[in-house]
Amino acid sequence: SQTCVDIKDNIVDEGYYFTPKGNDPCLSCTCHNGEPEMCVAALCE
């Protein structure tokens, strides 16, 4: 099954928080059915 992969190429288990692969290291999402959901973005000065 597809899975969640974080920005450092680690596999993420169901229900855990992680930063998805992409170009935004300030996202924090929940892994659900191999998809990032309920993402929150940190805002940086």
ModelCIF file with pLDDT and N, C-alpha, C, O atoms, coordinates in Angstrom:
data_MODEL
#
_entry.id   MODEL 
#
_entity.id                         1 
_entity.type                       polymer 
_entity.pdbx_number_of_molecules   1 
#
_entity_poly.entity_id                      1 
_entity_poly.type                           'polypeptide(L)' 
_entity_poly.nstd_linkage                   no 
_entity_poly.nstd_monomer                   no 
_entity_poly.pdbx_seq_one_letter_code       SQTCVDIKDNIVDEGYYFTPKGNDPCLSCTCHNGEPEMCVAALCE 
_entity_poly.pdbx_seq_one_letter_code_can   SQTCVDIKDNIVDEGYYFTPKGNDPCLSCTCHNGEPEMCVAALCE 
_entity_poly.pdbx_strand_id                 A 
#
loop_
_entity_poly_seq.entity_id 
_entity_poly_seq.num 
_entity_poly_seq.mon_id 
_entity_poly_seq.hetero 
1 1  SER n 
1 2  GLN n 
1 3  THR n 
1 4  CYS n 
1 5  VAL n 
1 6  ASP n 
1 7  ILE n 
1 8  LYS n 
1 9  ASP n 
1 10 ASN n 
1 11 ILE n 
1 12 VAL n 
1 13 ASP n 
1 14 GLU n 
1 15 GLY n 
1 16 TYR n 
1 17 TYR n 
1 18 PHE n 
1 19 THR n 
1 20 PRO n 
1 21 LYS n 
1 22 GLY n 
1 23 ASN n 
1 24 ASP n 
1 25 PRO n 
1 26 CYS n 
1 27 LEU n 
1 28 SER n 
1 29 CYS n 
1 30 THR n 
1 31 CYS n 
1 32 HIS n 
1 33 ASN n 
1 34 GLY n 
1 35 GLU n 
1 36 PRO n 
1 37 GLU n 
1 38 MET n 
1 39 CYS n 
1 40 VAL n 
1 41 ALA n 
1 42 ALA n 
1 43 LEU n 
1 44 CYS n 
1 45 GLU n 
#
_struct_asym.id          A 
_struct_asym.entity_id   1 
#
loop_
_ma_qa_metric.id 
_ma_qa_metric.mode 
_ma_qa_metric.name 
_ma_qa_metric.software_group_id 
_ma_qa_metric.type 
1 global pLDDT . pLDDT 
2 local  pLDDT . pLDDT 
#
_ma_qa_metric_global.metric_id      1 
_ma_qa_metric_global.metric_value   82.29 
_ma_qa_metric_global.model_id       1 
_ma_qa_metric_global.ordinal_id     1 
#
loop_
_ma_qa_metric_local.label_asym_id 
_ma_qa_metric_local.label_comp_id 
_ma_qa_metric_local.label_seq_id 
_ma_qa_metric_local.metric_id 
_ma_qa_metric_local.metric_value 
_ma_qa_metric_local.model_id 
_ma_qa_metric_local.ordinal_id 
A SER 1  2 85.00 1 1  
A GLN 2  2 83.00 1 2  
A THR 3  2 79.00 1 3  
A CYS 4  2 83.00 1 4  
A VAL 5  2 80.00 1 5  
A ASP 6  2 84.00 1 6  
A ILE 7  2 82.00 1 7  
A LYS 8  2 81.00 1 8  
A ASP 9  2 77.00 1 9  
A ASN 10 2 81.00 1 10 
A ILE 11 2 80.00 1 11 
A VAL 12 2 82.00 1 12 
A ASP 13 2 80.00 1 13 
A GLU 14 2 79.00 1 14 
A GLY 15 2 84.00 1 15 
A TYR 16 2 86.00 1 16 
A TYR 17 2 86.00 1 17 
A PHE 18 2 84.00 1 18 
A THR 19 2 85.00 1 19 
A PRO 20 2 83.00 1 20 
A LYS 21 2 76.00 1 21 
A GLY 22 2 72.00 1 22 
A ASN 23 2 70.00 1 23 
A ASP 24 2 81.00 1 24 
A PRO 25 2 86.00 1 25 
A CYS 26 2 87.00 1 26 
A LEU 27 2 86.00 1 27 
A SER 28 2 87.00 1 28 
A CYS 29 2 88.00 1 29 
A THR 30 2 87.00 1 30 
A CYS 31 2 85.00 1 31 
A HIS 32 2 82.00 1 32 
A ASN 33 2 76.00 1 33 
A GLY 34 2 75.00 1 34 
A GLU 35 2 77.00 1 35 
A PRO 36 2 81.00 1 36 
A GLU 37 2 83.00 1 37 
A MET 38 2 86.00 1 38 
A CYS 39 2 86.00 1 39 
A VAL 40 2 88.00 1 40 
A ALA 41 2 86.00 1 41 
A ALA 42 2 84.00 1 42 
A LEU 43 2 83.00 1 43 
A CYS 44 2 83.00 1 44 
A GLU 45 2 84.00 1 45 
#
loop_
_atom_site.group_PDB 
_atom_site.id 
_atom_site.type_symbol 
_atom_site.label_atom_id 
_atom_site.label_alt_id 
_atom_site.label_comp_id 
_atom_site.label_asym_id 
_atom_site.label_entity_id 
_atom_site.label_seq_id 
_atom_site.pdbx_PDB_ins_code 
_atom_site.Cartn_x 
_atom_site.Cartn_y 
_atom_site.Cartn_z 
_atom_site.occupancy 
_atom_site.B_iso_or_equiv 
_atom_site.pdbx_formal_charge 
_atom_site.auth_seq_id 
_atom_site.auth_comp_id 
_atom_site.auth_asym_id 
_atom_site.auth_atom_id 
_atom_site.pdbx_PDB_model_num 
ATOM 1   N N  . SER A 1 1  ? 0.839  -1.187 0.000  1.00 85.00 ? 1  SER A N  1 
ATOM 2   C CA . SER A 1 1  ? 0.000  0.000  0.000  1.00 85.00 ? 1  SER A CA 1 
ATOM 3   C C  . SER A 1 1  ? 0.879  1.244  0.000  1.00 85.00 ? 1  SER A C  1 
ATOM 4   O O  . SER A 1 1  ? 1.984  1.238  0.543  1.00 85.00 ? 1  SER A O  1 
ATOM 5   N N  . GLN A 1 2  ? 0.374  2.311  -0.616 1.00 83.00 ? 2  GLN A N  1 
ATOM 6   C CA . GLN A 1 2  ? 1.113  3.573  -0.554 1.00 83.00 ? 2  GLN A CA 1 
ATOM 7   C C  . GLN A 1 2  ? 1.282  3.983  0.902  1.00 83.00 ? 2  GLN A C  1 
ATOM 8   O O  . GLN A 1 2  ? 0.499  3.594  1.768  1.00 83.00 ? 2  GLN A O  1 
ATOM 9   N N  . THR A 1 3  ? 2.295  4.758  1.151  1.00 79.00 ? 3  THR A N  1 
ATOM 10  C CA . THR A 1 3  ? 2.615  5.105  2.524  1.00 79.00 ? 3  THR A CA 1 
ATOM 11  C C  . THR A 1 3  ? 2.971  6.582  2.608  1.00 79.00 ? 3  THR A C  1 
ATOM 12  O O  . THR A 1 3  ? 3.095  7.258  1.587  1.00 79.00 ? 3  THR A O  1 
ATOM 13  N N  . CYS A 1 4  ? 3.131  7.069  3.809  1.00 83.00 ? 4  CYS A N  1 
ATOM 14  C CA . CYS A 1 4  ? 3.606  8.440  4.003  1.00 83.00 ? 4  CYS A CA 1 
ATOM 15  C C  . CYS A 1 4  ? 5.125  8.415  4.055  1.00 83.00 ? 4  CYS A C  1 
ATOM 16  O O  . CYS A 1 4  ? 5.719  7.596  4.757  1.00 83.00 ? 4  CYS A O  1 
ATOM 17  N N  . VAL A 1 5  ? 5.746  9.313  3.310  1.00 80.00 ? 5  VAL A N  1 
ATOM 18  C CA . VAL A 1 5  ? 7.197  9.446  3.293  1.00 80.00 ? 5  VAL A CA 1 
ATOM 19  C C  . VAL A 1 5  ? 7.537  10.869 3.675  1.00 80.00 ? 5  VAL A C  1 
ATOM 20  O O  . VAL A 1 5  ? 7.033  11.811 3.062  1.00 80.00 ? 5  VAL A O  1 
ATOM 21  N N  . ASP A 1 6  ? 8.394  11.045 4.689  1.00 84.00 ? 6  ASP A N  1 
ATOM 22  C CA . ASP A 1 6  ? 8.671  12.397 5.145  1.00 84.00 ? 6  ASP A CA 1 
ATOM 23  C C  . ASP A 1 6  ? 9.761  13.067 4.316  1.00 84.00 ? 6  ASP A C  1 
ATOM 24  O O  . ASP A 1 6  ? 10.309 12.465 3.392  1.00 84.00 ? 6  ASP A O  1 
ATOM 25  N N  . ILE A 1 7  ? 10.066 14.297 4.648  1.00 82.00 ? 7  ILE A N  1 
ATOM 26  C CA . ILE A 1 7  ? 10.966 15.118 3.848  1.00 82.00 ? 7  ILE A CA 1 
ATOM 27  C C  . ILE A 1 7  ? 12.381 14.555 3.815  1.00 82.00 ? 7  ILE A C  1 
ATOM 28  O O  . ILE A 1 7  ? 13.171 14.910 2.941  1.00 82.00 ? 7  ILE A O  1 
ATOM 29  N N  . LYS A 1 8  ? 12.707 13.666 4.775  1.00 81.00 ? 8  LYS A N  1 
ATOM 30  C CA . LYS A 1 8  ? 14.035 13.052 4.813  1.00 81.00 ? 8  LYS A CA 1 
ATOM 31  C C  . LYS A 1 8  ? 13.997 11.605 4.330  1.00 81.00 ? 8  LYS A C  1 
ATOM 32  O O  . LYS A 1 8  ? 14.920 10.829 4.580  1.00 81.00 ? 8  LYS A O  1 
ATOM 33  N N  . ASP A 1 9  ? 12.906 11.253 3.628  1.00 77.00 ? 9  ASP A N  1 
ATOM 34  C CA . ASP A 1 9  ? 12.740 9.936  2.998  1.00 77.00 ? 9  ASP A CA 1 
ATOM 35  C C  . ASP A 1 9  ? 12.546 8.803  3.998  1.00 77.00 ? 9  ASP A C  1 
ATOM 36  O O  . ASP A 1 9  ? 12.845 7.647  3.697  1.00 77.00 ? 9  ASP A O  1 
ATOM 37  N N  . ASN A 1 10 ? 12.049 9.132  5.183  1.00 81.00 ? 10 ASN A N  1 
ATOM 38  C CA . ASN A 1 10 ? 11.702 8.102  6.158  1.00 81.00 ? 10 ASN A CA 1 
ATOM 39  C C  . ASN A 1 10 ? 10.241 7.700  5.974  1.00 81.00 ? 10 ASN A C  1 
ATOM 40  O O  . ASN A 1 10 ? 9.401  8.538  5.650  1.00 81.00 ? 10 ASN A O  1 
ATOM 41  N N  . ILE A 1 11 ? 9.939  6.422  6.181  1.00 80.00 ? 11 ILE A N  1 
ATOM 42  C CA . ILE A 1 11 ? 8.560  5.939  6.121  1.00 80.00 ? 11 ILE A CA 1 
ATOM 43  C C  . ILE A 1 11 ? 7.869  6.275  7.437  1.00 80.00 ? 11 ILE A C  1 
ATOM 44  O O  . ILE A 1 11 ? 8.428  6.076  8.515  1.00 80.00 ? 11 ILE A O  1 
ATOM 45  N N  . VAL A 1 12 ? 6.638  6.792  7.332  1.00 82.00 ? 12 VAL A N  1 
ATOM 46  C CA . VAL A 1 12 ? 5.890  7.237  8.510  1.00 82.00 ? 12 VAL A CA 1 
ATOM 47  C C  . VAL A 1 12 ? 4.708  6.301  8.744  1.00 82.00 ? 12 VAL A C  1 
ATOM 48  O O  . VAL A 1 12 ? 3.978  5.977  7.807  1.00 82.00 ? 12 VAL A O  1 
ATOM 49  N N  . ASP A 1 13 ? 4.521  5.872  9.971  1.00 80.00 ? 13 ASP A N  1 
ATOM 50  C CA . ASP A 1 13 ? 3.420  4.978  10.304 1.00 80.00 ? 13 ASP A CA 1 
ATOM 51  C C  . ASP A 1 13 ? 2.095  5.732  10.386 1.00 80.00 ? 13 ASP A C  1 
ATOM 52  O O  . ASP A 1 13 ? 2.059  6.946  10.586 1.00 80.00 ? 13 ASP A O  1 
ATOM 53  N N  . GLU A 1 14 ? 1.025  4.986  10.229 1.00 79.00 ? 14 GLU A N  1 
ATOM 54  C CA . GLU A 1 14 ? -0.330 5.528  10.293 1.00 79.00 ? 14 GLU A CA 1 
ATOM 55  C C  . GLU A 1 14 ? -0.555 6.285  11.600 1.00 79.00 ? 14 GLU A C  1 
ATOM 56  O O  . GLU A 1 14 ? -0.242 5.787  12.682 1.00 79.00 ? 14 GLU A O  1 
ATOM 57  N N  . GLY A 1 15 ? -1.108 7.509  11.481 1.00 84.00 ? 15 GLY A N  1 
ATOM 58  C CA . GLY A 1 15 ? -1.482 8.285  12.652 1.00 84.00 ? 15 GLY A CA 1 
ATOM 59  C C  . GLY A 1 15 ? -0.397 9.179  13.211 1.00 84.00 ? 15 GLY A C  1 
ATOM 60  O O  . GLY A 1 15 ? -0.656 9.945  14.139 1.00 84.00 ? 15 GLY A O  1 
ATOM 61  N N  . TYR A 1 16 ? 0.812  9.105  12.673 1.00 86.00 ? 16 TYR A N  1 
ATOM 62  C CA . TYR A 1 16 ? 1.912  9.912  13.209 1.00 86.00 ? 16 TYR A CA 1 
ATOM 63  C C  . TYR A 1 16 ? 2.015  11.251 12.479 1.00 86.00 ? 16 TYR A C  1 
ATOM 64  O O  . TYR A 1 16 ? 1.588  11.386 11.333 1.00 86.00 ? 16 TYR A O  1 
ATOM 65  N N  . TYR A 1 17 ? 2.595  12.238 13.173 1.00 86.00 ? 17 TYR A N  1 
ATOM 66  C CA . TYR A 1 17 ? 2.870  13.535 12.566 1.00 86.00 ? 17 TYR A CA 1 
ATOM 67  C C  . TYR A 1 17 ? 4.152  13.453 11.739 1.00 86.00 ? 17 TYR A C  1 
ATOM 68  O O  . TYR A 1 17 ? 5.080  12.721 12.085 1.00 86.00 ? 17 TYR A O  1 
ATOM 69  N N  . PHE A 1 18 ? 4.192  14.207 10.654 1.00 84.00 ? 18 PHE A N  1 
ATOM 70  C CA . PHE A 1 18 ? 5.406  14.224 9.829  1.00 84.00 ? 18 PHE A CA 1 
ATOM 71  C C  . PHE A 1 18 ? 5.378  15.428 8.894  1.00 84.00 ? 18 PHE A C  1 
ATOM 72  O O  . PHE A 1 18 ? 4.339  16.058 8.702  1.00 84.00 ? 18 PHE A O  1 
ATOM 73  N N  . THR A 1 19 ? 6.529  15.733 8.320  1.00 85.00 ? 19 THR A N  1 
ATOM 74  C CA . THR A 1 19 ? 6.639  16.765 7.292  1.00 85.00 ? 19 THR A CA 1 
ATOM 75  C C  . THR A 1 19 ? 6.751  16.065 5.946  1.00 85.00 ? 19 THR A C  1 
ATOM 76  O O  . THR A 1 19 ? 7.735  15.365 5.708  1.00 85.00 ? 19 THR A O  1 
ATOM 77  N N  . PRO A 1 20 ? 5.773  16.233 5.057  1.00 83.00 ? 20 PRO A N  1 
ATOM 78  C CA . PRO A 1 20 ? 5.789  15.505 3.776  1.00 83.00 ? 20 PRO A CA 1 
ATOM 79  C C  . PRO A 1 20 ? 6.943  15.941 2.888  1.00 83.00 ? 20 PRO A C  1 
ATOM 80  O O  . PRO A 1 20 ? 7.482  17.037 3.033  1.00 83.00 ? 20 PRO A O  1 
ATOM 81  N N  . LYS A 1 21 ? 7.312  15.051 1.957  1.00 76.00 ? 21 LYS A N  1 
ATOM 82  C CA . LYS A 1 21 ? 8.277  15.438 0.934  1.00 76.00 ? 21 LYS A CA 1 
ATOM 83  C C  . LYS A 1 21 ? 7.651  16.541 0.096  1.00 76.00 ? 21 LYS A C  1 
ATOM 84  O O  . LYS A 1 21 ? 6.460  16.511 -0.215 1.00 76.00 ? 21 LYS A O  1 
ATOM 85  N N  . GLY A 1 22 ? 8.466  17.498 -0.255 1.00 72.00 ? 22 GLY A N  1 
ATOM 86  C CA . GLY A 1 22 ? 7.983  18.651 -0.993 1.00 72.00 ? 22 GLY A CA 1 
ATOM 87  C C  . GLY A 1 22 ? 8.939  19.794 -0.769 1.00 72.00 ? 22 GLY A C  1 
ATOM 88  O O  . GLY A 1 22 ? 10.092 19.569 -0.400 1.00 72.00 ? 22 GLY A O  1 
ATOM 89  N N  . ASN A 1 23 ? 8.493  21.009 -0.982 1.00 70.00 ? 23 ASN A N  1 
ATOM 90  C CA . ASN A 1 23 ? 9.398  22.145 -0.829 1.00 70.00 ? 23 ASN A CA 1 
ATOM 91  C C  . ASN A 1 23 ? 8.997  23.046 0.325  1.00 70.00 ? 23 ASN A C  1 
ATOM 92  O O  . ASN A 1 23 ? 9.335  24.230 0.336  1.00 70.00 ? 23 ASN A O  1 
ATOM 93  N N  . ASP A 1 24 ? 8.273  22.493 1.302  1.00 81.00 ? 24 ASP A N  1 
ATOM 94  C CA . ASP A 1 24 ? 7.892  23.292 2.462  1.00 81.00 ? 24 ASP A CA 1 
ATOM 95  C C  . ASP A 1 24 ? 8.236  22.525 3.744  1.00 81.00 ? 24 ASP A C  1 
ATOM 96  O O  . ASP A 1 24 ? 7.455  21.683 4.186  1.00 81.00 ? 24 ASP A O  1 
ATOM 97  N N  . PRO A 1 25 ? 9.402  22.810 4.345  1.00 86.00 ? 25 PRO A N  1 
ATOM 98  C CA . PRO A 1 25 ? 9.803  22.088 5.556  1.00 86.00 ? 25 PRO A CA 1 
ATOM 99  C C  . PRO A 1 25 ? 9.044  22.521 6.795  1.00 86.00 ? 25 PRO A C  1 
ATOM 100 O O  . PRO A 1 25 ? 9.282  21.993 7.881  1.00 86.00 ? 25 PRO A O  1 
ATOM 101 N N  . CYS A 1 26 ? 8.128  23.481 6.647  1.00 87.00 ? 26 CYS A N  1 
ATOM 102 C CA . CYS A 1 26 ? 7.393  23.989 7.804  1.00 87.00 ? 26 CYS A CA 1 
ATOM 103 C C  . CYS A 1 26 ? 5.988  23.409 7.911  1.00 87.00 ? 26 CYS A C  1 
ATOM 104 O O  . CYS A 1 26 ? 5.171  23.909 8.684  1.00 87.00 ? 26 CYS A O  1 
ATOM 105 N N  . LEU A 1 27 ? 5.698  22.360 7.146  1.00 86.00 ? 27 LEU A N  1 
ATOM 106 C CA . LEU A 1 27 ? 4.405  21.701 7.257  1.00 86.00 ? 27 LEU A CA 1 
ATOM 107 C C  . LEU A 1 27 ? 4.477  20.559 8.267  1.00 86.00 ? 27 LEU A C  1 
ATOM 108 O O  . LEU A 1 27 ? 5.465  19.828 8.326  1.00 86.00 ? 27 LEU A O  1 
ATOM 109 N N  . SER A 1 28 ? 3.433  20.420 9.045  1.00 87.00 ? 28 SER A N  1 
ATOM 110 C CA . SER A 1 28 ? 3.299  19.276 9.937  1.00 87.00 ? 28 SER A CA 1 
ATOM 111 C C  . SER A 1 28 ? 1.940  18.652 9.662  1.00 87.00 ? 28 SER A C  1 
ATOM 112 O O  . SER A 1 28 ? 0.907  19.302 9.826  1.00 87.00 ? 28 SER A O  1 
ATOM 113 N N  . CYS A 1 29 ? 1.941  17.379 9.241  1.00 88.00 ? 29 CYS A N  1 
ATOM 114 C CA . CYS A 1 29 ? 0.706  16.709 8.831  1.00 88.00 ? 29 CYS A CA 1 
ATOM 115 C C  . CYS A 1 29 ? 0.543  15.404 9.608  1.00 88.00 ? 29 CYS A C  1 
ATOM 116 O O  . CYS A 1 29 ? 1.480  14.915 10.240 1.00 88.00 ? 29 CYS A O  1 
ATOM 117 N N  . THR A 1 30 ? -0.659 14.858 9.547  1.00 87.00 ? 30 THR A N  1 
ATOM 118 C CA . THR A 1 30 ? -0.938 13.548 10.108 1.00 87.00 ? 30 THR A CA 1 
ATOM 119 C C  . THR A 1 30 ? -1.026 12.529 8.981  1.00 87.00 ? 30 THR A C  1 
ATOM 120 O O  . THR A 1 30 ? -1.669 12.785 7.963  1.00 87.00 ? 30 THR A O  1 
ATOM 121 N N  . CYS A 1 31 ? -0.386 11.376 9.153  1.00 85.00 ? 31 CYS A N  1 
ATOM 122 C CA . CYS A 1 31 ? -0.433 10.317 8.137  1.00 85.00 ? 31 CYS A CA 1 
ATOM 123 C C  . CYS A 1 31 ? -1.735 9.541  8.275  1.00 85.00 ? 31 CYS A C  1 
ATOM 124 O O  . CYS A 1 31 ? -2.013 8.969  9.328  1.00 85.00 ? 31 CYS A O  1 
ATOM 125 N N  . HIS A 1 32 ? -2.547 9.523  7.192  1.00 82.00 ? 32 HIS A N  1 
ATOM 126 C CA . HIS A 1 32 ? -3.812 8.801  7.206  1.00 82.00 ? 32 HIS A CA 1 
ATOM 127 C C  . HIS A 1 32 ? -3.981 8.100  5.868  1.00 82.00 ? 32 HIS A C  1 
ATOM 128 O O  . HIS A 1 32 ? -4.096 8.754  4.832  1.00 82.00 ? 32 HIS A O  1 
ATOM 129 N N  . ASN A 1 33 ? -3.997 6.773  5.887  1.00 76.00 ? 33 ASN A N  1 
ATOM 130 C CA . ASN A 1 33 ? -4.142 5.969  4.667  1.00 76.00 ? 33 ASN A CA 1 
ATOM 131 C C  . ASN A 1 33 ? -3.112 6.341  3.603  1.00 76.00 ? 33 ASN A C  1 
ATOM 132 O O  . ASN A 1 33 ? -3.419 6.400  2.412  1.00 76.00 ? 33 ASN A O  1 
ATOM 133 N N  . GLY A 1 34 ? -1.887 6.590  4.060  1.00 75.00 ? 34 GLY A N  1 
ATOM 134 C CA . GLY A 1 34 ? -0.820 6.895  3.124  1.00 75.00 ? 34 GLY A CA 1 
ATOM 135 C C  . GLY A 1 34 ? -0.847 8.303  2.582  1.00 75.00 ? 34 GLY A C  1 
ATOM 136 O O  . GLY A 1 34 ? -0.090 8.621  1.665  1.00 75.00 ? 34 GLY A O  1 
ATOM 137 N N  . GLU A 1 35 ? -1.697 9.155  3.120  1.00 77.00 ? 35 GLU A N  1 
ATOM 138 C CA . GLU A 1 35 ? -1.811 10.532 2.651  1.00 77.00 ? 35 GLU A CA 1 
ATOM 139 C C  . GLU A 1 35 ? -1.578 11.498 3.810  1.00 77.00 ? 35 GLU A C  1 
ATOM 140 O O  . GLU A 1 35 ? -1.952 11.196 4.944  1.00 77.00 ? 35 GLU A O  1 
ATOM 141 N N  . PRO A 1 36 ? -0.959 12.666 3.543  1.00 81.00 ? 36 PRO A N  1 
ATOM 142 C CA . PRO A 1 36 ? -0.847 13.694 4.574  1.00 81.00 ? 36 PRO A CA 1 
ATOM 143 C C  . PRO A 1 36 ? -2.165 14.446 4.718  1.00 81.00 ? 36 PRO A C  1 
ATOM 144 O O  . PRO A 1 36 ? -2.696 14.972 3.740  1.00 81.00 ? 36 PRO A O  1 
ATOM 145 N N  . GLU A 1 37 ? -2.687 14.494 5.937  1.00 83.00 ? 37 GLU A N  1 
ATOM 146 C CA . GLU A 1 37 ? -3.941 15.198 6.189  1.00 83.00 ? 37 GLU A CA 1 
ATOM 147 C C  . GLU A 1 37 ? -3.793 16.115 7.400  1.00 83.00 ? 37 GLU A C  1 
ATOM 148 O O  . GLU A 1 37 ? -2.840 16.003 8.171  1.00 83.00 ? 37 GLU A O  1 
ATOM 149 N N  . MET A 1 38 ? -4.756 17.024 7.552  1.00 86.00 ? 38 MET A N  1 
ATOM 150 C CA . MET A 1 38 ? -4.796 17.964 8.675  1.00 86.00 ? 38 MET A CA 1 
ATOM 151 C C  . MET A 1 38 ? -3.449 18.664 8.843  1.00 86.00 ? 38 MET A C  1 
ATOM 152 O O  . MET A 1 38 ? -2.869 18.667 9.928  1.00 86.00 ? 38 MET A O  1 
ATOM 153 N N  . CYS A 1 39 ? -2.966 19.252 7.761  1.00 86.00 ? 39 CYS A N  1 
ATOM 154 C CA . CYS A 1 39 ? -1.648 19.886 7.775  1.00 86.00 ? 39 CYS A CA 1 
ATOM 155 C C  . CYS A 1 39 ? -1.702 21.280 8.395  1.00 86.00 ? 39 CYS A C  1 
ATOM 156 O O  . CYS A 1 39 ? -2.649 22.037 8.184  1.00 86.00 ? 39 CYS A O  1 
ATOM 157 N N  . VAL A 1 40 ? -0.681 21.592 9.149  1.00 88.00 ? 40 VAL A N  1 
ATOM 158 C CA . VAL A 1 40 ? -0.523 22.914 9.758  1.00 88.00 ? 40 VAL A CA 1 
ATOM 159 C C  . VAL A 1 40 ? 0.824  23.461 9.310  1.00 88.00 ? 40 VAL A C  1 
ATOM 160 O O  . VAL A 1 40 ? 1.827  22.747 9.330  1.00 88.00 ? 40 VAL A O  1 
ATOM 161 N N  . ALA A 1 41 ? 0.849  24.740 8.901  1.00 86.00 ? 41 ALA A N  1 
ATOM 162 C CA . ALA A 1 41 ? 2.080  25.365 8.441  1.00 86.00 ? 41 ALA A CA 1 
ATOM 163 C C  . ALA A 1 41 ? 2.594  26.344 9.487  1.00 86.00 ? 41 ALA A C  1 
ATOM 164 O O  . ALA A 1 41 ? 1.842  27.187 9.978  1.00 86.00 ? 41 ALA A O  1 
ATOM 165 N N  . ALA A 1 42 ? 3.868  26.233 9.826  1.00 84.00 ? 42 ALA A N  1 
ATOM 166 C CA . ALA A 1 42 ? 4.499  27.218 10.696 1.00 84.00 ? 42 ALA A CA 1 
ATOM 167 C C  . ALA A 1 42 ? 4.859  28.439 9.865  1.00 84.00 ? 42 ALA A C  1 
ATOM 168 O O  . ALA A 1 42 ? 5.226  28.318 8.696  1.00 84.00 ? 42 ALA A O  1 
ATOM 169 N N  . LEU A 1 43 ? 4.752  29.608 10.466 1.00 83.00 ? 43 LEU A N  1 
ATOM 170 C CA . LEU A 1 43 ? 5.078  30.863 9.786  1.00 83.00 ? 43 LEU A CA 1 
ATOM 171 C C  . LEU A 1 43 ? 6.385  31.403 10.358 1.00 83.00 ? 43 LEU A C  1 
ATOM 172 O O  . LEU A 1 43 ? 6.526  31.550 11.572 1.00 83.00 ? 43 LEU A O  1 
ATOM 173 N N  . CYS A 1 44 ? 7.331  31.696 9.483  1.00 83.00 ? 44 CYS A N  1 
ATOM 174 C CA . CYS A 1 44 ? 8.666  32.104 9.924  1.00 83.00 ? 44 CYS A CA 1 
ATOM 175 C C  . CYS A 1 44 ? 8.935  33.564 9.584  1.00 83.00 ? 44 CYS A C  1 
ATOM 176 O O  . CYS A 1 44 ? 8.655  34.004 8.469  1.00 83.00 ? 44 CYS A O  1 
ATOM 177 N N  . GLU A 1 45 ? 9.477  34.317 10.539 1.00 84.00 ? 45 GLU A N  1 
ATOM 178 C CA . GLU A 1 45 ? 9.989  35.645 10.246 1.00 84.00 ? 45 GLU A CA 1 
ATOM 179 C C  . GLU A 1 45 ? 11.379 35.500 9.653  1.00 84.00 ? 45 GLU A C  1 
ATOM 180 O O  . GLU A 1 45 ? 12.016 36.501 9.323  1.00 84.00 ? 45 GLU A O  1 
#
